[in-house]
Amino acid sequence: MRFCRSLLVFSACNALINPAQAGDWTVGIRTSFDRAPDNFSEPLGTKVEFSAVRAFANGLVLGAAAEPDFKTDNNGVSSTIEGTLGYIWKLGSFASLGGSAGVGEEIQQESSGGSFPYYVLRVHADIDLGDRWSWNLITYRFRDAFNTKNDFNTPEVSTAVTLKLDDSHSVYVRYYYDWKDGEPDSQGIGLGYKYHF
């Protein structure tokens, strides 16, 4: 597992600092409002994700994200920090498929079980609806701790619509549904902003 982390960090650092590799940067922030899986009016918590992505002309995508999670039951704050390495396949001029793999750390208090490492896999399909609108048809995330005793089997399915305000700024709204250990865990709406450069 330590080797996987080292390989991901080395690949990311090499691609990020090598000026010979052209690429586009995107940084963003998203606020997600967790709701009960069977009752959208019941709040469970709020998450704030900070992300940075570098997409290369050859389809390679490097990403990093940090997401604090504030629970409504005052059961402390946990956070995830992860890095991913992925690829996007263009399907004509308006559609694409993508996938990524990564590793991360769930950071929480010792009273909640302490911090632990995890792995994450994602696949997604996207289409352009015009010059300004795009639709993430579906993203599926599989995520679990390396040690299954940490109880972090948390798959998620989501969809999102993005409005491109101009060449640098875009906003989006996202709906997601989560499971934990095979049981419905939460659903919610996320509102996000991205800056492209």
N, C-alpha and C. Protein backbone atom coordinates (compact mmCIF):
# COMPACT_ATOMS: atom_id res chain seq x y z
N MET A 1 0.83 -1.19 0.00
CA MET A 1 0.00 0.00 0.00
C MET A 1 0.87 1.25 0.00
N ARG A 2 1.99 1.22 0.76
CA ARG A 2 2.90 2.36 0.78
C ARG A 2 3.50 2.58 -0.60
N PHE A 3 3.76 1.48 -1.34
CA PHE A 3 4.28 1.59 -2.70
C PHE A 3 3.28 2.28 -3.61
N CYS A 4 1.97 1.94 -3.49
CA CYS A 4 0.93 2.56 -4.31
C CYS A 4 0.89 4.07 -4.07
N ARG A 5 0.95 4.46 -2.81
CA ARG A 5 0.95 5.89 -2.49
C ARG A 5 2.16 6.59 -3.09
N SER A 6 3.32 5.97 -2.95
CA SER A 6 4.55 6.58 -3.47
C SER A 6 4.51 6.72 -4.98
N LEU A 7 3.99 5.69 -5.67
CA LEU A 7 3.90 5.73 -7.13
C LEU A 7 2.95 6.84 -7.58
N LEU A 8 1.82 6.97 -6.91
CA LEU A 8 0.85 8.01 -7.27
C LEU A 8 1.44 9.40 -7.03
N VAL A 9 2.09 9.59 -5.90
CA VAL A 9 2.69 10.89 -5.59
C VAL A 9 3.80 11.22 -6.59
N PHE A 10 4.64 10.23 -6.93
CA PHE A 10 5.71 10.47 -7.90
C PHE A 10 5.15 10.84 -9.26
N SER A 11 4.15 10.11 -9.74
CA SER A 11 3.55 10.40 -11.05
C SER A 11 2.93 11.78 -11.07
N ALA A 12 2.22 12.12 -10.01
CA ALA A 12 1.57 13.43 -9.95
C ALA A 12 2.59 14.55 -9.93
N CYS A 13 3.61 14.43 -9.09
CA CYS A 13 4.62 15.48 -8.99
C CYS A 13 5.37 15.65 -10.31
N ASN A 14 5.72 14.54 -10.96
CA ASN A 14 6.45 14.61 -12.22
C ASN A 14 5.63 15.34 -13.28
N ALA A 15 4.35 15.01 -13.37
CA ALA A 15 3.52 15.63 -14.40
C ALA A 15 3.20 17.08 -14.07
N LEU A 16 3.06 17.39 -12.79
CA LEU A 16 2.68 18.75 -12.40
C LEU A 16 3.83 19.74 -12.57
N ILE A 17 5.07 19.29 -12.35
CA ILE A 17 6.17 20.25 -12.38
C ILE A 17 6.94 20.24 -13.69
N ASN A 18 6.65 19.30 -14.58
CA ASN A 18 7.37 19.22 -15.85
C ASN A 18 6.79 20.22 -16.85
N PRO A 19 7.49 21.31 -17.16
CA PRO A 19 6.94 22.33 -18.03
C PRO A 19 6.79 21.87 -19.47
N ALA A 20 7.43 20.76 -19.86
CA ALA A 20 7.32 20.30 -21.24
C ALA A 20 5.97 19.66 -21.53
N GLN A 21 5.21 19.34 -20.49
CA GLN A 21 3.91 18.70 -20.68
C GLN A 21 2.82 19.77 -20.56
N ALA A 22 2.21 20.08 -21.69
CA ALA A 22 1.14 21.08 -21.67
C ALA A 22 -0.09 20.51 -20.97
N GLY A 23 -0.79 21.38 -20.27
CA GLY A 23 -1.99 20.93 -19.58
C GLY A 23 -2.82 22.09 -19.10
N ASP A 24 -4.07 21.80 -18.84
CA ASP A 24 -4.99 22.82 -18.33
C ASP A 24 -5.29 22.54 -16.87
N TRP A 25 -5.33 23.58 -16.07
CA TRP A 25 -5.64 23.48 -14.65
C TRP A 25 -7.09 23.84 -14.39
N THR A 26 -7.68 23.18 -13.42
CA THR A 26 -8.99 23.55 -12.89
C THR A 26 -8.94 23.45 -11.38
N VAL A 27 -9.30 24.52 -10.70
CA VAL A 27 -9.43 24.48 -9.24
C VAL A 27 -10.89 24.76 -8.91
N GLY A 28 -11.37 24.17 -7.83
CA GLY A 28 -12.79 24.34 -7.53
C GLY A 28 -13.11 24.20 -6.07
N ILE A 29 -14.33 24.59 -5.76
CA ILE A 29 -14.88 24.42 -4.42
C ILE A 29 -16.33 23.98 -4.57
N ARG A 30 -16.75 23.04 -3.73
CA ARG A 30 -18.13 22.54 -3.78
C ARG A 30 -18.66 22.35 -2.36
N THR A 31 -19.89 22.77 -2.15
CA THR A 31 -20.57 22.52 -0.88
C THR A 31 -21.67 21.50 -1.13
N SER A 32 -21.67 20.43 -0.33
CA SER A 32 -22.66 19.35 -0.48
C SER A 32 -23.49 19.25 0.79
N PHE A 33 -24.78 19.11 0.60
CA PHE A 33 -25.72 19.05 1.72
C PHE A 33 -26.27 17.64 1.82
N ASP A 34 -25.76 16.86 2.79
CA ASP A 34 -26.20 15.48 2.99
C ASP A 34 -27.60 15.44 3.59
N ARG A 35 -28.42 14.54 3.05
CA ARG A 35 -29.78 14.32 3.54
C ARG A 35 -29.98 12.83 3.79
N ALA A 36 -30.99 12.52 4.59
CA ALA A 36 -31.30 11.12 4.86
C ALA A 36 -31.68 10.42 3.56
N PRO A 37 -31.31 9.15 3.39
CA PRO A 37 -31.56 8.46 2.12
C PRO A 37 -33.05 8.27 1.81
N ASP A 38 -33.90 8.29 2.83
CA ASP A 38 -35.34 8.09 2.60
C ASP A 38 -36.17 9.32 2.95
N ASN A 39 -35.50 10.43 3.29
CA ASN A 39 -36.22 11.65 3.67
C ASN A 39 -35.34 12.86 3.36
N PHE A 40 -35.59 13.49 2.19
CA PHE A 40 -34.73 14.59 1.75
C PHE A 40 -34.80 15.80 2.67
N SER A 41 -35.84 15.91 3.46
CA SER A 41 -35.98 17.05 4.36
C SER A 41 -35.16 16.91 5.64
N GLU A 42 -34.57 15.74 5.87
CA GLU A 42 -33.80 15.50 7.10
C GLU A 42 -32.31 15.69 6.85
N PRO A 43 -31.70 16.77 7.38
CA PRO A 43 -30.27 17.03 7.14
C PRO A 43 -29.38 16.09 7.97
N LEU A 44 -28.27 15.66 7.35
CA LEU A 44 -27.30 14.81 8.04
C LEU A 44 -25.95 15.49 8.22
N GLY A 45 -25.66 16.46 7.37
CA GLY A 45 -24.37 17.12 7.47
C GLY A 45 -24.08 17.96 6.24
N THR A 46 -22.93 18.63 6.29
CA THR A 46 -22.48 19.47 5.19
C THR A 46 -21.01 19.18 4.93
N LYS A 47 -20.67 19.02 3.65
CA LYS A 47 -19.28 18.79 3.25
C LYS A 47 -18.83 19.92 2.33
N VAL A 48 -17.56 20.30 2.45
CA VAL A 48 -16.98 21.32 1.59
C VAL A 48 -15.73 20.73 0.94
N GLU A 49 -15.76 20.60 -0.39
CA GLU A 49 -14.63 20.00 -1.10
C GLU A 49 -13.81 21.08 -1.81
N PHE A 50 -12.49 21.00 -1.64
CA PHE A 50 -11.54 21.84 -2.37
C PHE A 50 -10.77 20.92 -3.30
N SER A 51 -10.69 21.27 -4.58
CA SER A 51 -10.07 20.36 -5.54
C SER A 51 -9.16 21.08 -6.51
N ALA A 52 -8.20 20.34 -7.05
CA ALA A 52 -7.31 20.82 -8.10
C ALA A 52 -7.11 19.68 -9.09
N VAL A 53 -7.25 20.00 -10.38
CA VAL A 53 -7.15 18.98 -11.43
C VAL A 53 -6.27 19.53 -12.54
N ARG A 54 -5.40 18.68 -13.06
CA ARG A 54 -4.65 19.04 -14.26
C ARG A 54 -4.95 18.02 -15.34
N ALA A 55 -5.51 18.50 -16.45
CA ALA A 55 -5.86 17.65 -17.58
C ALA A 55 -4.87 17.89 -18.71
N PHE A 56 -4.30 16.82 -19.25
CA PHE A 56 -3.31 16.93 -20.30
C PHE A 56 -3.92 16.62 -21.66
N ALA A 57 -3.27 17.10 -22.70
CA ALA A 57 -3.79 16.93 -24.06
C ALA A 57 -3.87 15.46 -24.46
N ASN A 58 -3.05 14.61 -23.85
CA ASN A 58 -3.07 13.18 -24.19
C ASN A 58 -4.16 12.40 -23.46
N GLY A 59 -4.99 13.10 -22.64
CA GLY A 59 -6.09 12.44 -21.94
C GLY A 59 -5.82 12.12 -20.49
N LEU A 60 -4.56 12.21 -20.08
CA LEU A 60 -4.20 11.94 -18.68
C LEU A 60 -4.76 13.04 -17.77
N VAL A 61 -5.27 12.65 -16.62
CA VAL A 61 -5.85 13.60 -15.67
C VAL A 61 -5.30 13.30 -14.27
N LEU A 62 -4.73 14.32 -13.63
CA LEU A 62 -4.25 14.20 -12.25
C LEU A 62 -5.14 15.05 -11.36
N GLY A 63 -5.51 14.51 -10.21
CA GLY A 63 -6.39 15.26 -9.33
C GLY A 63 -6.01 15.13 -7.88
N ALA A 64 -6.41 16.14 -7.11
CA ALA A 64 -6.23 16.13 -5.66
C ALA A 64 -7.43 16.83 -5.04
N ALA A 65 -7.87 16.34 -3.89
CA ALA A 65 -9.04 16.93 -3.25
C ALA A 65 -8.95 16.77 -1.74
N ALA A 66 -9.53 17.73 -1.04
CA ALA A 66 -9.67 17.68 0.42
C ALA A 66 -11.11 18.04 0.75
N GLU A 67 -11.74 17.28 1.64
CA GLU A 67 -13.16 17.49 1.92
C GLU A 67 -13.47 17.32 3.41
N PRO A 68 -13.58 18.41 4.16
CA PRO A 68 -14.07 18.32 5.54
C PRO A 68 -15.57 17.97 5.54
N ASP A 69 -15.99 17.21 6.54
CA ASP A 69 -17.38 16.74 6.66
C ASP A 69 -17.89 17.13 8.04
N PHE A 70 -18.88 18.02 8.06
CA PHE A 70 -19.45 18.52 9.32
C PHE A 70 -20.81 17.86 9.55
N LYS A 71 -20.90 16.99 10.55
CA LYS A 71 -22.13 16.26 10.83
C LYS A 71 -23.09 17.11 11.67
N THR A 72 -24.39 16.96 11.42
CA THR A 72 -25.38 17.73 12.18
C THR A 72 -25.55 17.21 13.59
N ASP A 73 -25.14 15.96 13.86
CA ASP A 73 -25.32 15.41 15.21
C ASP A 73 -24.17 15.79 16.15
N ASN A 74 -23.32 16.74 15.72
CA ASN A 74 -22.18 17.20 16.53
C ASN A 74 -21.24 16.07 16.93
N ASN A 75 -21.12 15.08 16.03
CA ASN A 75 -20.28 13.93 16.30
C ASN A 75 -18.85 14.15 15.77
N GLY A 76 -18.39 15.39 15.83
CA GLY A 76 -17.05 15.70 15.38
C GLY A 76 -16.98 15.97 13.89
N VAL A 77 -15.81 16.41 13.45
CA VAL A 77 -15.56 16.70 12.03
C VAL A 77 -14.55 15.68 11.52
N SER A 78 -14.86 15.07 10.39
CA SER A 78 -13.90 14.21 9.72
C SER A 78 -13.56 14.83 8.37
N SER A 79 -12.46 14.39 7.79
CA SER A 79 -12.04 14.93 6.50
C SER A 79 -11.44 13.81 5.66
N THR A 80 -11.55 13.95 4.35
CA THR A 80 -10.84 13.06 3.43
C THR A 80 -9.87 13.90 2.61
N ILE A 81 -8.70 13.32 2.36
CA ILE A 81 -7.70 13.91 1.47
C ILE A 81 -7.29 12.81 0.51
N GLU A 82 -7.35 13.09 -0.81
CA GLU A 82 -7.02 12.04 -1.76
C GLU A 82 -6.34 12.59 -3.00
N GLY A 83 -5.60 11.71 -3.67
CA GLY A 83 -4.99 12.00 -4.96
C GLY A 83 -5.40 10.93 -5.94
N THR A 84 -5.63 11.31 -7.20
CA THR A 84 -6.10 10.37 -8.21
C THR A 84 -5.32 10.53 -9.50
N LEU A 85 -5.29 9.46 -10.27
CA LEU A 85 -4.68 9.43 -11.59
C LEU A 85 -5.69 8.79 -12.53
N GLY A 86 -6.05 9.51 -13.61
CA GLY A 86 -7.10 9.01 -14.48
C GLY A 86 -6.84 9.28 -15.95
N TYR A 87 -7.85 8.91 -16.75
CA TYR A 87 -7.76 9.09 -18.20
C TYR A 87 -9.15 9.37 -18.75
N ILE A 88 -9.22 10.24 -19.78
CA ILE A 88 -10.49 10.55 -20.43
C ILE A 88 -10.40 10.18 -21.90
N TRP A 89 -11.39 9.41 -22.37
CA TRP A 89 -11.50 9.03 -23.78
C TRP A 89 -12.58 9.88 -24.43
N LYS A 90 -12.23 10.60 -25.49
CA LYS A 90 -13.19 11.39 -26.24
C LYS A 90 -13.97 10.48 -27.19
N LEU A 91 -15.28 10.64 -27.21
CA LEU A 91 -16.15 9.89 -28.11
C LEU A 91 -16.78 10.90 -29.07
N GLY A 92 -16.10 11.19 -30.16
CA GLY A 92 -16.58 12.22 -31.07
C GLY A 92 -16.31 13.60 -30.49
N SER A 93 -17.12 14.57 -30.90
CA SER A 93 -16.88 15.95 -30.50
C SER A 93 -17.69 16.39 -29.30
N PHE A 94 -18.60 15.53 -28.80
CA PHE A 94 -19.48 16.00 -27.72
C PHE A 94 -19.63 15.05 -26.55
N ALA A 95 -18.97 13.90 -26.56
CA ALA A 95 -19.14 12.93 -25.47
C ALA A 95 -17.78 12.40 -25.05
N SER A 96 -17.71 11.92 -23.81
CA SER A 96 -16.47 11.34 -23.30
C SER A 96 -16.77 10.34 -22.20
N LEU A 97 -15.82 9.42 -22.03
CA LEU A 97 -15.83 8.46 -20.92
C LEU A 97 -14.53 8.64 -20.15
N GLY A 98 -14.59 8.46 -18.85
CA GLY A 98 -13.38 8.62 -18.06
C GLY A 98 -13.33 7.65 -16.90
N GLY A 99 -12.15 7.46 -16.40
CA GLY A 99 -11.95 6.62 -15.23
C GLY A 99 -10.73 7.08 -14.46
N SER A 100 -10.69 6.76 -13.17
CA SER A 100 -9.54 7.14 -12.35
C SER A 100 -9.40 6.18 -11.18
N ALA A 101 -8.21 6.15 -10.63
CA ALA A 101 -7.92 5.38 -9.43
C ALA A 101 -7.07 6.24 -8.52
N GLY A 102 -7.23 6.06 -7.23
CA GLY A 102 -6.46 6.87 -6.31
C GLY A 102 -6.42 6.31 -4.91
N VAL A 103 -5.69 7.01 -4.07
CA VAL A 103 -5.58 6.66 -2.66
C VAL A 103 -5.84 7.91 -1.83
N GLY A 104 -6.25 7.69 -0.61
CA GLY A 104 -6.55 8.82 0.25
C GLY A 104 -6.45 8.46 1.71
N GLU A 105 -6.79 9.41 2.53
CA GLU A 105 -6.76 9.24 3.99
C GLU A 105 -8.03 9.80 4.58
N GLU A 106 -8.72 9.01 5.38
CA GLU A 106 -9.85 9.48 6.17
C GLU A 106 -9.28 9.95 7.50
N ILE A 107 -9.44 11.24 7.79
CA ILE A 107 -8.88 11.82 9.00
C ILE A 107 -10.00 12.06 10.00
N GLN A 108 -9.92 11.42 11.14
CA GLN A 108 -10.95 11.58 12.17
C GLN A 108 -10.35 11.40 13.55
N GLN A 109 -11.11 11.77 14.56
CA GLN A 109 -10.63 11.71 15.93
C GLN A 109 -10.48 10.26 16.38
N GLU A 110 -9.60 10.06 17.36
CA GLU A 110 -9.39 8.71 17.90
C GLU A 110 -10.68 8.15 18.49
N SER A 111 -11.52 9.02 19.04
CA SER A 111 -12.78 8.56 19.62
C SER A 111 -13.72 8.00 18.57
N SER A 112 -13.50 8.34 17.30
CA SER A 112 -14.32 7.82 16.20
C SER A 112 -13.63 6.68 15.47
N GLY A 113 -12.50 6.22 16.00
CA GLY A 113 -11.80 5.10 15.39
C GLY A 113 -10.44 5.46 14.82
N GLY A 114 -10.11 6.74 14.77
CA GLY A 114 -8.81 7.16 14.26
C GLY A 114 -8.75 7.22 12.74
N SER A 115 -7.68 7.78 12.24
CA SER A 115 -7.50 7.94 10.79
C SER A 115 -7.06 6.63 10.14
N PHE A 116 -7.33 6.51 8.82
CA PHE A 116 -6.94 5.30 8.10
C PHE A 116 -6.86 5.60 6.60
N PRO A 117 -6.07 4.83 5.84
CA PRO A 117 -5.96 5.01 4.40
C PRO A 117 -7.07 4.25 3.65
N TYR A 118 -7.39 4.72 2.46
CA TYR A 118 -8.39 4.06 1.63
C TYR A 118 -8.00 4.16 0.16
N TYR A 119 -8.69 3.39 -0.69
CA TYR A 119 -8.51 3.49 -2.13
C TYR A 119 -9.85 3.86 -2.76
N VAL A 120 -9.79 4.47 -3.95
CA VAL A 120 -11.01 4.92 -4.61
C VAL A 120 -10.88 4.71 -6.12
N LEU A 121 -11.97 4.26 -6.73
CA LEU A 121 -12.06 4.06 -8.18
C LEU A 121 -13.30 4.80 -8.68
N ARG A 122 -13.18 5.49 -9.82
CA ARG A 122 -14.33 6.20 -10.39
C ARG A 122 -14.41 5.95 -11.89
N VAL A 123 -15.63 5.91 -12.40
CA VAL A 123 -15.89 5.92 -13.84
C VAL A 123 -17.00 6.94 -14.09
N HIS A 124 -16.94 7.62 -15.24
CA HIS A 124 -17.96 8.62 -15.52
C HIS A 124 -18.19 8.76 -17.03
N ALA A 125 -19.38 9.25 -17.38
CA ALA A 125 -19.75 9.53 -18.76
C ALA A 125 -20.31 10.94 -18.83
N ASP A 126 -19.85 11.72 -19.83
CA ASP A 126 -20.23 13.13 -19.95
C ASP A 126 -20.61 13.47 -21.38
N ILE A 127 -21.52 14.42 -21.55
CA ILE A 127 -21.86 14.92 -22.87
C ILE A 127 -21.94 16.45 -22.82
N ASP A 128 -21.59 17.08 -23.95
CA ASP A 128 -21.75 18.52 -24.10
C ASP A 128 -23.12 18.80 -24.67
N LEU A 129 -23.84 19.72 -24.05
CA LEU A 129 -25.18 20.08 -24.51
C LEU A 129 -25.16 21.36 -25.34
N GLY A 130 -24.00 21.86 -25.63
CA GLY A 130 -23.85 23.11 -26.38
C GLY A 130 -22.56 23.78 -25.96
N ASP A 131 -22.40 25.04 -26.35
CA ASP A 131 -21.18 25.78 -26.03
C ASP A 131 -21.06 26.07 -24.54
N ARG A 132 -22.19 26.17 -23.85
CA ARG A 132 -22.14 26.60 -22.45
C ARG A 132 -22.59 25.53 -21.45
N TRP A 133 -23.35 24.54 -21.89
CA TRP A 133 -23.90 23.55 -20.98
C TRP A 133 -23.27 22.18 -21.20
N SER A 134 -23.04 21.46 -20.11
CA SER A 134 -22.60 20.07 -20.19
C SER A 134 -23.29 19.26 -19.10
N TRP A 135 -23.37 17.96 -19.33
CA TRP A 135 -24.09 17.07 -18.42
C TRP A 135 -23.21 15.87 -18.09
N ASN A 136 -22.89 15.73 -16.83
CA ASN A 136 -22.26 14.51 -16.35
C ASN A 136 -23.39 13.50 -16.15
N LEU A 137 -23.57 12.63 -17.14
CA LEU A 137 -24.68 11.68 -17.10
C LEU A 137 -24.65 10.84 -15.84
N ILE A 138 -23.47 10.31 -15.56
CA ILE A 138 -23.34 9.48 -14.36
C ILE A 138 -21.87 9.40 -13.96
N THR A 139 -21.64 9.40 -12.67
CA THR A 139 -20.34 9.06 -12.09
C THR A 139 -20.59 7.99 -11.04
N TYR A 140 -19.83 6.90 -11.13
CA TYR A 140 -19.90 5.86 -10.11
C TYR A 140 -18.57 5.82 -9.38
N ARG A 141 -18.64 5.89 -8.05
CA ARG A 141 -17.45 5.82 -7.21
C ARG A 141 -17.51 4.57 -6.35
N PHE A 142 -16.42 3.80 -6.37
CA PHE A 142 -16.27 2.71 -5.40
C PHE A 142 -15.13 3.09 -4.48
N ARG A 143 -15.38 3.06 -3.17
CA ARG A 143 -14.38 3.48 -2.20
C ARG A 143 -14.42 2.55 -1.00
N ASP A 144 -13.24 2.15 -0.52
CA ASP A 144 -13.17 1.29 0.66
C ASP A 144 -11.81 1.46 1.32
N ALA A 145 -11.77 1.18 2.60
CA ALA A 145 -10.51 1.23 3.34
C ALA A 145 -9.65 0.02 2.97
N PHE A 146 -8.33 0.17 3.03
CA PHE A 146 -7.46 -0.97 2.81
C PHE A 146 -7.70 -2.04 3.87
N ASN A 147 -7.99 -1.61 5.09
CA ASN A 147 -8.37 -2.53 6.15
C ASN A 147 -9.89 -2.46 6.29
N THR A 148 -10.58 -3.51 5.88
CA THR A 148 -12.05 -3.47 5.87
C THR A 148 -12.66 -3.32 7.26
N LYS A 149 -11.88 -3.51 8.30
CA LYS A 149 -12.39 -3.30 9.66
C LYS A 149 -12.71 -1.84 9.93
N ASN A 150 -12.20 -0.94 9.08
CA ASN A 150 -12.48 0.49 9.26
C ASN A 150 -13.87 0.88 8.78
N ASP A 151 -14.62 -0.05 8.18
CA ASP A 151 -16.03 0.18 7.85
C ASP A 151 -16.20 1.41 6.94
N PHE A 152 -15.55 1.36 5.76
CA PHE A 152 -15.56 2.52 4.86
C PHE A 152 -15.96 2.12 3.44
N ASN A 153 -16.74 1.04 3.32
CA ASN A 153 -17.25 0.63 2.01
C ASN A 153 -18.39 1.58 1.64
N THR A 154 -18.08 2.62 0.85
CA THR A 154 -19.02 3.72 0.63
C THR A 154 -19.14 4.07 -0.85
N PRO A 155 -19.84 3.24 -1.65
CA PRO A 155 -20.06 3.58 -3.06
C PRO A 155 -20.99 4.78 -3.20
N GLU A 156 -20.90 5.44 -4.36
CA GLU A 156 -21.74 6.61 -4.63
C GLU A 156 -22.05 6.68 -6.12
N VAL A 157 -23.28 7.09 -6.44
CA VAL A 157 -23.69 7.39 -7.81
C VAL A 157 -24.12 8.84 -7.84
N SER A 158 -23.70 9.58 -8.89
CA SER A 158 -24.07 11.00 -8.97
C SER A 158 -24.28 11.42 -10.42
N THR A 159 -24.95 12.56 -10.57
CA THR A 159 -25.12 13.20 -11.87
C THR A 159 -25.04 14.71 -11.65
N ALA A 160 -24.60 15.45 -12.68
CA ALA A 160 -24.40 16.90 -12.50
C ALA A 160 -24.61 17.63 -13.82
N VAL A 161 -25.04 18.88 -13.71
CA VAL A 161 -25.18 19.77 -14.87
C VAL A 161 -24.31 20.99 -14.63
N THR A 162 -23.50 21.36 -15.64
CA THR A 162 -22.56 22.48 -15.52
C THR A 162 -22.91 23.58 -16.51
N LEU A 163 -22.84 24.82 -16.05
CA LEU A 163 -23.00 26.00 -16.89
C LEU A 163 -21.66 26.72 -16.98
N LYS A 164 -21.15 26.86 -18.20
CA LYS A 164 -19.89 27.57 -18.43
C LYS A 164 -20.20 29.05 -18.58
N LEU A 165 -19.75 29.86 -17.61
CA LEU A 165 -20.03 31.29 -17.64
C LEU A 165 -19.17 32.01 -18.67
N ASP A 166 -17.90 31.61 -18.76
CA ASP A 166 -16.98 32.10 -19.78
C ASP A 166 -15.83 31.11 -19.86
N ASP A 167 -14.72 31.47 -20.49
CA ASP A 167 -13.62 30.52 -20.67
C ASP A 167 -12.96 30.12 -19.36
N SER A 168 -13.14 30.91 -18.31
CA SER A 168 -12.45 30.64 -17.05
C SER A 168 -13.36 30.17 -15.92
N HIS A 169 -14.64 30.52 -15.96
CA HIS A 169 -15.52 30.28 -14.82
C HIS A 169 -16.70 29.39 -15.20
N SER A 170 -17.02 28.46 -14.30
CA SER A 170 -18.21 27.61 -14.49
C SER A 170 -18.81 27.29 -13.13
N VAL A 171 -20.10 27.03 -13.14
CA VAL A 171 -20.83 26.63 -11.93
C VAL A 171 -21.61 25.36 -12.25
N TYR A 172 -21.91 24.58 -11.21
CA TYR A 172 -22.64 23.34 -11.46
C TYR A 172 -23.48 22.95 -10.25
N VAL A 173 -24.46 22.11 -10.53
CA VAL A 173 -25.29 21.52 -9.48
C VAL A 173 -25.23 20.00 -9.65
N ARG A 174 -25.18 19.30 -8.53
CA ARG A 174 -24.94 17.86 -8.54
C ARG A 174 -25.89 17.17 -7.58
N TYR A 175 -26.44 16.03 -8.01
CA TYR A 175 -27.23 15.17 -7.12
C TYR A 175 -26.46 13.87 -6.91
N TYR A 176 -26.44 13.38 -5.67
CA TYR A 176 -25.70 12.15 -5.38
C TYR A 176 -26.48 11.26 -4.41
N TYR A 177 -26.15 9.97 -4.46
CA TYR A 177 -26.76 8.98 -3.56
C TYR A 177 -25.66 8.04 -3.11
N ASP A 178 -25.54 7.83 -1.79
CA ASP A 178 -24.47 7.04 -1.21
C ASP A 178 -25.01 5.79 -0.51
N TRP A 179 -24.15 4.78 -0.50
CA TRP A 179 -24.42 3.56 0.29
C TRP A 179 -23.26 3.35 1.26
N LYS A 180 -23.51 2.59 2.31
CA LYS A 180 -22.46 2.19 3.23
C LYS A 180 -22.69 0.74 3.60
N ASP A 181 -21.70 -0.10 3.30
CA ASP A 181 -21.80 -1.54 3.55
C ASP A 181 -23.07 -2.14 2.95
N GLY A 182 -23.44 -1.67 1.76
CA GLY A 182 -24.58 -2.22 1.05
C GLY A 182 -25.92 -1.64 1.41
N GLU A 183 -25.97 -0.74 2.38
CA GLU A 183 -27.23 -0.13 2.80
C GLU A 183 -27.26 1.35 2.42
N PRO A 184 -28.43 1.88 2.01
CA PRO A 184 -28.52 3.33 1.72
C PRO A 184 -28.04 4.15 2.91
N ASP A 185 -27.22 5.18 2.62
CA ASP A 185 -26.62 5.96 3.70
C ASP A 185 -27.01 7.44 3.64
N SER A 186 -27.02 8.02 2.45
CA SER A 186 -27.39 9.43 2.32
C SER A 186 -27.64 9.78 0.87
N GLN A 187 -28.26 10.92 0.66
CA GLN A 187 -28.41 11.52 -0.64
C GLN A 187 -28.18 13.01 -0.46
N GLY A 188 -28.07 13.75 -1.54
CA GLY A 188 -27.86 15.17 -1.34
C GLY A 188 -27.67 15.95 -2.63
N ILE A 189 -27.57 17.25 -2.45
CA ILE A 189 -27.34 18.20 -3.53
C ILE A 189 -26.02 18.92 -3.27
N GLY A 190 -25.21 19.05 -4.31
CA GLY A 190 -23.96 19.80 -4.21
C GLY A 190 -23.98 20.99 -5.16
N LEU A 191 -23.47 22.12 -4.71
CA LEU A 191 -23.35 23.31 -5.53
C LEU A 191 -21.87 23.66 -5.63
N GLY A 192 -21.37 23.83 -6.87
CA GLY A 192 -19.94 24.01 -7.04
C GLY A 192 -19.56 25.11 -7.99
N TYR A 193 -18.30 25.53 -7.88
CA TYR A 193 -17.71 26.55 -8.75
C TYR A 193 -16.34 26.06 -9.18
N LYS A 194 -15.98 26.26 -10.46
CA LYS A 194 -14.66 25.88 -10.96
C LYS A 194 -14.03 27.05 -11.71
N TYR A 195 -12.72 27.18 -11.52
CA TYR A 195 -11.95 28.18 -12.24
C TYR A 195 -10.93 27.45 -13.11
N HIS A 196 -10.94 27.73 -14.41
CA HIS A 196 -10.09 27.05 -15.38
C HIS A 196 -8.98 28.00 -15.85
N PHE A 197 -7.76 27.50 -15.92
CA PHE A 197 -6.67 28.31 -16.44
C PHE A 197 -5.57 27.44 -17.04
